Amino acid sequence: MKFQVLDIIPHLKNPVTGEIVSTADRLNQVVETAKRSEELGLDSFSVGERHAGEFVSSSPTTVLAAIAAVTHRIRLQTGVTVLSVLDPVRVAEDYATIDQLSRGRLELVIGKGNEVLQYPLFGLSLDDQWDLLAEKYALLRTLWRKESVTWSGRFRPALTEPTTTTPRPFAGSPRIWHGSATTLTSAALAAKWGDPLFTANAIQPRENYKVLIDHYREEYERHGHDPRHQYLGSGSGAGGVFIADTTQEAIRQYGPVYEGLTANRNVPGNNSPFRDIQHAVAEGPALVGSPEQVIDKILSYHSLYNHDLQSISLPTTLPFEQQLEILERFALEVIPAVRASAPTTLWEAGDPFAGRPESAGATEPDAAAAVTADHALNRSDTAHVYAH
């Protein structure tokens, strides 16, 4: 298994102490955490994107560029790029620039986002969120894979003159994952294109996410894509990872913070059924406990999901030094055991994106036909697996 640290850059008070760091310190912590993640041997670092709520992640490209400048090996990802509210031309330009700065270490995770206030902020209708995502993804994919592109669609002025975005990506189109949290639609979109899926696995029982994963795999097979490239990523619950010598000690130390955060209506995870820390540790995806408890939890989810990439988030309201200590314990005491029990070809020799050839990925659907098909799909296949 591969491992990712995700920071959607919440900027919150510690619910127990009331302390909060400055915006500048919070952003610099993200960069420092990425540097330390690379030093500890983690595989990727992901930055989120939010345009509403108590977050300072409205410009993930800027943060990733800062990380690219101080790292050399670790892959740079997003979690998620809210493509539905963005201009695909600008996304192609900005992220290709990061790809060049990092010499080919970029991979996107795209989605519609789960913050409804983002849509009116950008003058868009929430009713169009899935159609926006499908159309903009088809254009972004084309812009990164082709030059002299002409295009027309519903939501953006047409590209009537042949258009080549610059800079070009470092070594062919970066891989694009699809973030999936509540509906079958993102899973279906990923499967149709032959892309990997990233399940949030954050705020609901594992069985709900398994429905989305199973749908993805069924559709992936139906579209005839190579099953060797059917990669899956998984989150690890709201609140962040917390490791102590014993699970009881972890619950004692982190329980008040976890419960304070999940009770906050402005924090991801605010509709989680796991209000009580004991309940979350026993039945939810929260990685809180001893190293052995955390290892067992990840492998129990792997037995159900068979995922290739495990994402973790640090408890960012705690003192920064403590966050780094938790990260170090996770890297030294958890990762080796999980890697040994759950091998993957992701980013290894069997992965077509390991060296990112220009032709990497699954068979290309016709882009224009894909947009039309997606429009029909999004009208009929947006039923929520559970209430969001």
Protein backbone atom coordinates (compact mmCIF):
# COMPACT_ATOMS: atom_id res chain seq x y z
CA MET A 1 0.00 0.00 0.00
CA LYS A 2 1.02 3.59 -0.64
CA PHE A 3 0.40 6.44 1.81
CA GLN A 4 -0.71 10.03 1.46
CA VAL A 5 -1.03 12.93 3.89
CA LEU A 6 -4.03 15.13 3.06
CA ASP A 7 -4.52 18.64 4.42
CA ILE A 8 -7.67 20.49 3.38
CA ILE A 9 -6.24 23.31 5.54
CA PRO A 10 -8.98 23.86 8.09
CA HIS A 11 -8.23 26.93 10.22
CA LEU A 12 -9.92 26.21 13.53
CA LYS A 13 -9.59 26.81 17.22
CA ASN A 14 -8.67 23.85 19.36
CA PRO A 15 -12.10 23.07 20.84
CA VAL A 16 -10.58 22.31 24.26
CA THR A 17 -8.00 25.09 24.68
CA GLY A 18 -9.47 27.70 22.34
CA GLU A 19 -6.03 28.28 20.79
CA ILE A 20 -5.60 29.00 17.08
CA VAL A 21 -2.50 29.80 15.02
CA SER A 22 -2.27 32.68 12.56
CA THR A 23 -3.14 32.17 8.90
CA ALA A 24 0.52 32.56 7.94
CA ASP A 25 1.60 29.95 10.48
CA ARG A 26 -1.14 27.56 9.40
CA LEU A 27 -0.10 27.76 5.73
CA ASN A 28 3.56 27.35 6.58
CA GLN A 29 2.70 24.28 8.66
CA VAL A 30 1.32 22.66 5.51
CA VAL A 31 4.61 23.17 3.70
CA GLU A 32 6.65 21.94 6.66
CA THR A 33 4.43 18.87 7.01
CA ALA A 34 4.96 18.04 3.35
CA LYS A 35 8.74 18.30 3.80
CA ARG A 36 8.62 16.03 6.82
CA SER A 37 6.34 13.57 5.02
CA GLU A 38 8.92 13.23 2.28
CA GLU A 39 11.72 12.74 4.80
CA LEU A 40 9.72 9.99 6.50
CA GLY A 41 9.15 8.12 3.25
CA LEU A 42 5.46 8.77 2.60
CA ASP A 43 4.44 8.57 -1.04
CA SER A 44 2.31 11.64 -1.63
CA PHE A 45 1.09 14.87 -0.11
CA SER A 46 -2.32 16.27 -0.97
CA VAL A 47 -3.75 19.76 -0.56
CA GLY A 48 -7.50 20.38 -0.47
CA GLU A 49 -9.55 23.19 -1.97
CA ARG A 50 -12.36 25.05 -0.22
CA HIS A 51 -13.94 28.41 -1.00
CA ALA A 52 -16.28 28.65 1.99
CA GLY A 53 -16.18 27.82 5.67
CA GLU A 54 -13.28 27.87 8.13
CA PHE A 55 -10.54 26.95 5.67
CA VAL A 56 -7.55 28.69 4.09
CA SER A 57 -7.28 26.37 1.09
CA SER A 58 -8.82 28.61 -1.58
CA SER A 59 -5.52 28.62 -3.52
CA PRO A 60 -4.15 25.06 -3.50
CA THR A 61 -2.00 25.79 -6.55
CA THR A 62 -0.01 28.36 -4.58
CA VAL A 63 0.49 25.97 -1.67
CA LEU A 64 1.50 23.09 -3.93
CA ALA A 65 3.97 25.32 -5.74
CA ALA A 66 5.57 26.19 -2.39
CA ILE A 67 5.75 22.47 -1.55
CA ALA A 68 7.22 21.64 -4.97
CA ALA A 69 10.03 24.12 -4.29
CA VAL A 70 11.15 22.40 -1.06
CA THR A 71 10.61 18.72 -1.93
CA HIS A 72 12.20 16.40 -4.47
CA ARG A 73 10.53 12.98 -4.47
CA ILE A 74 7.08 12.98 -2.91
CA ARG A 75 4.12 13.08 -5.30
CA LEU A 76 1.87 16.14 -5.15
CA GLN A 77 -1.89 15.62 -5.23
CA THR A 78 -5.10 17.55 -4.63
CA GLY A 79 -8.01 16.54 -2.46
CA VAL A 80 -10.08 17.64 -4.25
CA THR A 81 -9.70 20.12 -7.08
CA VAL A 82 -13.23 21.51 -7.22
CA LEU A 83 -13.35 21.38 -11.00
CA SER A 84 -17.08 22.11 -11.19
CA VAL A 85 -16.50 25.76 -10.19
CA LEU A 86 -13.25 26.32 -12.10
CA ASP A 87 -12.25 27.15 -15.68
CA PRO A 88 -10.60 24.06 -17.23
CA VAL A 89 -8.24 26.23 -19.28
CA ARG A 90 -6.94 27.89 -16.13
CA VAL A 91 -6.75 24.54 -14.31
CA ALA A 92 -4.72 23.11 -17.20
CA GLU A 93 -2.31 26.06 -17.08
CA ASP A 94 -1.90 26.30 -13.31
CA TYR A 95 -1.44 22.62 -12.58
CA ALA A 96 0.84 22.05 -15.57
CA THR A 97 3.03 24.80 -14.11
CA ILE A 98 3.20 22.86 -10.82
CA ASP A 99 3.89 19.69 -12.78
CA GLN A 100 6.85 21.40 -14.43
CA LEU A 101 8.13 22.87 -11.16
CA SER A 102 7.96 19.43 -9.54
CA ARG A 103 9.33 17.64 -12.63
CA GLY A 104 6.33 15.42 -13.16
CA ARG A 105 5.20 14.70 -9.60
CA LEU A 106 1.65 16.06 -9.93
CA GLU A 107 -1.60 14.06 -9.88
CA LEU A 108 -5.04 15.65 -9.54
CA VAL A 109 -8.04 14.37 -7.62
CA ILE A 110 -11.10 16.12 -9.01
CA GLY A 111 -14.65 16.42 -7.72
CA LYS A 112 -17.65 18.69 -7.36
CA GLY A 113 -16.78 19.49 -3.74
CA ASN A 114 -19.10 19.05 -0.78
CA GLU A 115 -19.54 22.74 0.10
CA VAL A 116 -22.75 24.00 -1.47
CA LEU A 117 -21.87 27.67 -0.81
CA GLN A 118 -19.11 27.48 -3.44
CA TYR A 119 -21.60 27.46 -6.32
CA PRO A 120 -23.34 30.82 -5.78
CA LEU A 121 -19.94 32.32 -4.95
CA PHE A 122 -18.85 31.57 -8.52
CA GLY A 123 -22.22 32.44 -10.05
CA LEU A 124 -23.15 28.82 -10.72
CA SER A 125 -26.24 26.77 -9.97
CA LEU A 126 -25.98 23.84 -7.60
CA ASP A 127 -28.44 22.02 -9.86
CA ASP A 128 -25.74 21.89 -12.55
CA GLN A 129 -22.93 20.56 -10.36
CA TRP A 130 -22.67 17.12 -11.99
CA ASP A 131 -23.04 18.39 -15.55
CA LEU A 132 -20.40 21.03 -14.82
CA LEU A 133 -18.00 18.40 -13.54
CA ALA A 134 -18.48 16.05 -16.49
CA GLU A 135 -18.13 18.72 -19.15
CA LYS A 136 -15.16 20.47 -17.57
CA TYR A 137 -13.36 17.18 -17.00
CA ALA A 138 -13.70 16.21 -20.66
CA LEU A 139 -12.20 19.57 -21.67
CA LEU A 140 -9.37 19.45 -19.13
CA ARG A 141 -8.44 15.95 -20.24
CA THR A 142 -8.38 17.06 -23.87
CA LEU A 143 -6.30 20.17 -23.16
CA TRP A 144 -3.61 18.13 -21.41
CA ARG A 145 -3.49 15.39 -24.03
CA LYS A 146 -3.80 17.38 -27.24
CA GLU A 147 -2.64 20.61 -28.86
CA SER A 148 -4.58 22.97 -31.15
CA VAL A 149 -7.85 22.17 -29.41
CA THR A 150 -11.18 23.54 -30.58
CA TRP A 151 -14.19 22.96 -28.35
CA SER A 152 -17.72 24.03 -27.47
CA GLY A 153 -19.99 23.19 -24.55
CA ARG A 154 -22.78 24.43 -22.30
CA PHE A 155 -20.93 26.18 -19.51
CA ARG A 156 -17.94 27.93 -21.02
CA PRO A 157 -17.33 30.13 -24.08
CA ALA A 158 -16.24 28.01 -27.04
CA LEU A 159 -12.62 27.63 -28.08
CA THR A 160 -13.18 28.61 -31.71
CA GLU A 161 -9.51 29.08 -32.53
CA PRO A 162 -7.07 26.17 -32.11
CA THR A 163 -5.83 26.42 -28.52
CA THR A 164 -2.73 24.92 -26.90
CA THR A 165 -2.42 25.60 -23.20
CA THR A 166 1.01 26.43 -21.82
CA PRO A 167 3.08 25.27 -20.20
CA ARG A 168 2.53 21.73 -21.33
CA PRO A 169 2.66 19.07 -18.58
CA PHE A 170 6.14 17.81 -17.75
CA ALA A 171 5.92 14.35 -19.36
CA GLY A 172 2.46 13.74 -20.74
CA SER A 173 -0.85 14.25 -19.04
CA PRO A 174 -0.81 13.87 -15.25
CA ARG A 175 -3.06 11.17 -13.87
CA ILE A 176 -6.47 12.35 -12.71
CA TRP A 177 -8.37 10.59 -9.91
CA HIS A 178 -12.04 11.13 -9.08
CA GLY A 179 -13.08 11.90 -5.53
CA SER A 180 -16.24 10.11 -4.42
CA ALA A 181 -18.17 10.78 -1.22
CA THR A 182 -21.94 10.49 -1.47
CA THR A 183 -23.29 9.46 -4.86
CA LEU A 184 -22.74 6.95 -7.63
CA THR A 185 -22.04 9.67 -10.19
CA SER A 186 -18.35 10.32 -9.51
CA ALA A 187 -17.72 6.60 -9.35
CA ALA A 188 -19.44 6.14 -12.70
CA LEU A 189 -17.52 9.02 -14.28
CA ALA A 190 -14.19 7.59 -13.13
CA ALA A 191 -15.10 4.14 -14.40
CA LYS A 192 -16.21 5.41 -17.80
CA TRP A 193 -12.88 7.10 -18.42
CA GLY A 194 -10.83 4.28 -16.88
CA ASP A 195 -9.50 6.56 -14.12
CA PRO A 196 -8.76 5.67 -10.48
CA LEU A 197 -11.26 6.44 -7.74
CA PHE A 198 -10.64 8.05 -4.35
CA THR A 199 -13.31 7.22 -1.79
CA ALA A 200 -13.66 9.75 1.02
CA ASN A 201 -14.31 7.07 3.65
CA ALA A 202 -14.80 9.86 6.12
CA ILE A 203 -18.19 10.32 7.70
CA GLN A 204 -20.31 7.22 7.22
CA PRO A 205 -20.19 3.47 7.92
CA ARG A 206 -17.93 1.50 5.63
CA GLU A 207 -20.85 -0.29 3.96
CA ASN A 208 -22.02 2.97 2.35
CA TYR A 209 -18.65 3.55 0.72
CA LYS A 210 -18.49 -0.08 -0.38
CA VAL A 211 -21.62 0.53 -2.48
CA LEU A 212 -19.79 3.31 -4.37
CA ILE A 213 -16.65 1.21 -4.79
CA ASP A 214 -18.57 -1.80 -6.08
CA HIS A 215 -20.41 0.41 -8.57
CA TYR A 216 -17.09 1.82 -9.77
CA ARG A 217 -15.59 -1.63 -10.30
CA GLU A 218 -18.65 -2.96 -12.09
CA GLU A 219 -18.74 0.04 -14.43
CA TYR A 220 -14.98 -0.05 -14.97
CA GLU A 221 -15.26 -3.65 -16.14
CA ARG A 222 -18.33 -2.90 -18.26
CA HIS A 223 -16.41 -0.20 -20.13
CA GLY A 224 -13.64 -2.68 -20.91
CA HIS A 225 -10.71 -0.98 -19.19
CA ASP A 226 -7.57 -2.82 -18.13
CA PRO A 227 -8.21 -4.06 -14.56
CA ARG A 228 -4.51 -3.74 -13.75
CA HIS A 229 -4.95 0.04 -13.73
CA GLN A 230 -8.06 0.10 -11.54
CA TYR A 231 -6.51 1.86 -8.55
CA LEU A 232 -8.43 2.91 -5.46
CA GLY A 233 -7.60 5.42 -2.75
CA SER A 234 -9.30 5.71 0.64
CA GLY A 235 -9.58 8.38 3.30
CA SER A 236 -9.52 7.71 7.02
CA GLY A 237 -12.32 9.57 8.71
CA ALA A 238 -12.86 13.06 10.01
CA GLY A 239 -10.77 14.39 12.86
CA GLY A 240 -7.31 13.13 11.93
CA VAL A 241 -5.01 10.30 12.93
CA PHE A 242 -3.88 10.09 16.57
CA ILE A 243 -1.43 7.52 17.93
CA ALA A 244 -0.51 6.78 21.55
CA ASP A 245 1.08 3.84 23.31
CA THR A 246 -2.33 2.30 23.98
CA THR A 247 -5.75 2.78 22.45
CA GLN A 248 -7.14 3.75 25.85
CA GLU A 249 -4.52 6.48 26.18
CA ALA A 250 -5.22 7.74 22.64
CA ILE A 251 -8.93 7.96 23.41
CA ARG A 252 -8.27 9.72 26.72
CA GLN A 253 -5.95 12.30 25.16
CA TYR A 254 -7.70 12.93 21.85
CA GLY A 255 -11.34 12.18 22.69
CA PRO A 256 -12.27 15.68 23.89
CA VAL A 257 -10.70 17.29 20.81
CA TYR A 258 -12.30 14.81 18.41
CA GLU A 259 -15.74 15.21 19.93
CA GLY A 260 -15.41 18.98 20.03
CA LEU A 261 -14.51 19.08 16.34
CA THR A 262 -17.22 16.70 15.15
CA ALA A 263 -19.81 18.67 17.14
CA ASN A 264 -18.84 21.83 15.22
CA ARG A 265 -21.34 22.27 12.39
CA ASN A 266 -18.72 23.93 10.16
CA VAL A 267 -16.26 21.06 10.15
CA PRO A 268 -16.13 18.14 7.68
CA GLY A 269 -17.63 15.16 9.44
CA ASN A 270 -20.41 17.21 10.99
CA ASN A 271 -23.04 14.74 9.80
CA SER A 272 -21.09 11.74 11.00
CA PRO A 273 -22.93 9.17 13.12
CA PHE A 274 -19.73 8.68 15.16
CA ARG A 275 -20.23 11.43 17.74
CA ASP A 276 -18.58 9.49 20.52
CA ILE A 277 -14.86 8.75 20.24
CA GLN A 278 -15.29 5.16 21.46
CA HIS A 279 -17.94 4.58 18.79
CA ALA A 280 -15.74 6.11 16.10
CA VAL A 281 -12.75 3.96 17.06
CA ALA A 282 -14.80 0.78 17.32
CA GLU A 283 -16.93 1.09 14.18
CA GLY A 284 -15.77 4.06 12.11
CA PRO A 285 -12.72 4.80 9.96
CA ALA A 286 -11.00 7.00 12.58
CA LEU A 287 -7.32 6.05 12.95
CA VAL A 288 -7.11 6.69 16.68
CA GLY A 289 -5.34 4.24 18.95
CA SER A 290 -2.15 2.32 19.47
CA PRO A 291 0.03 1.54 16.44
CA GLU A 292 -1.37 -2.00 16.47
CA GLN A 293 -4.95 -0.71 16.56
CA VAL A 294 -4.28 1.61 13.62
CA ILE A 295 -2.60 -1.16 11.62
CA ASP A 296 -5.54 -3.47 12.22
CA LYS A 297 -8.04 -0.75 11.27
CA ILE A 298 -6.34 0.01 7.94
CA LEU A 299 -6.01 -3.67 7.07
CA SER A 300 -9.64 -4.34 8.02
CA TYR A 301 -10.72 -1.67 5.56
CA HIS A 302 -8.30 -3.02 2.98
CA SER A 303 -9.91 -6.44 3.29
CA LEU A 304 -13.21 -4.81 2.30
CA TYR A 305 -12.06 -2.17 -0.19
CA ASN A 306 -8.77 -3.63 -1.53
CA HIS A 307 -7.46 -0.10 -1.82
CA ASP A 308 -3.99 0.89 -3.01
CA LEU A 309 -3.53 4.31 -1.43
CA GLN A 310 -4.31 5.19 2.19
CA SER A 311 -4.81 8.85 3.01
CA ILE A 312 -4.41 10.26 6.49
CA SER A 313 -4.94 13.73 7.94
CA LEU A 314 -3.20 15.10 10.99
CA PRO A 315 -5.15 16.67 13.88
CA THR A 316 -4.30 20.23 12.88
CA THR A 317 -5.72 21.96 15.96
CA LEU A 318 -3.07 20.31 18.13
CA PRO A 319 0.35 21.92 18.67
CA PHE A 320 2.41 21.54 15.51
CA GLU A 321 5.22 19.68 17.24
CA GLN A 322 2.71 17.10 18.42
CA GLN A 323 1.33 16.72 14.89
CA LEU A 324 4.83 15.93 13.60
CA GLU A 325 5.38 13.42 16.39
CA ILE A 326 2.17 11.62 15.39
CA LEU A 327 3.26 11.65 11.75
CA GLU A 328 6.62 10.15 12.68
CA ARG A 329 5.04 7.38 14.74
CA PHE A 330 2.66 6.60 11.89
CA ALA A 331 5.53 6.43 9.41
CA LEU A 332 7.81 4.29 11.59
CA GLU A 333 5.34 2.07 13.46
CA VAL A 334 2.35 1.69 11.13
CA ILE A 335 3.40 2.02 7.50
CA PRO A 336 5.95 -0.83 7.36
CA ALA A 337 3.48 -3.39 8.70
CA VAL A 338 0.70 -2.31 6.35
CA ARG A 339 3.00 -2.23 3.33
CA ALA A 340 4.11 -5.79 4.04
CA SER A 341 0.52 -7.05 4.23
CA ALA A 342 -1.00 -5.03 1.37
CA PRO A 343 1.27 -4.78 -1.69
CA THR A 344 0.27 -2.67 -4.70
CA THR A 345 1.61 -1.81 -8.14
CA LEU A 346 0.58 1.86 -7.77
CA TRP A 347 3.57 4.05 -8.75
CA GLU A 348 5.60 0.90 -9.33
CA ALA A 349 6.81 -0.77 -12.52
CA GLY A 350 3.36 -2.20 -13.28
CA ASP A 351 1.71 1.24 -13.19
CA PRO A 352 1.54 2.97 -16.60
CA PHE A 353 1.81 6.36 -14.87
CA ALA A 354 4.96 5.45 -12.95
CA GLY A 355 6.97 7.01 -15.76
CA ARG A 356 3.95 8.81 -17.21
CA PRO A 357 4.23 8.08 -20.95
CA GLU A 358 2.14 10.31 -23.19
CA SER A 359 -0.20 7.43 -24.00
CA ALA A 360 -0.69 6.25 -20.42
CA GLY A 361 -4.16 5.35 -19.25
CA ALA A 362 -7.19 3.58 -20.55
CA THR A 363 -8.76 3.66 -23.99
CA GLU A 364 -9.98 7.17 -24.79
CA PRO A 365 -13.73 7.61 -25.19
CA ASP A 366 -14.81 10.15 -27.78
CA ALA A 367 -14.82 13.44 -25.85
CA ALA A 368 -17.88 14.99 -27.50
CA ALA A 369 -19.88 11.82 -27.15
CA ALA A 370 -18.71 11.53 -23.56
CA VAL A 371 -20.11 14.94 -22.65
CA THR A 372 -23.48 14.02 -24.16
CA ALA A 373 -23.51 10.69 -22.35
CA ASP A 374 -22.53 12.31 -19.08
CA HIS A 375 -25.37 14.80 -19.37
CA ALA A 376 -27.81 11.94 -19.63
CA LEU A 377 -26.06 10.02 -16.83
CA ASN A 378 -26.14 12.95 -14.45
CA ARG A 379 -29.88 13.34 -14.91
CA SER A 380 -30.57 9.68 -14.06
CA ASP A 381 -27.82 8.49 -11.74
CA THR A 382 -27.47 11.08 -9.00
CA ALA A 383 -29.27 9.21 -6.26
CA HIS A 384 -27.42 9.57 -3.00
CA VAL A 385 -26.25 6.39 -1.37
CA TYR A 386 -26.91 8.21 1.91
CA ALA A 387 -27.88 11.68 3.00
CA HIS A 388 -25.10 14.24 2.60
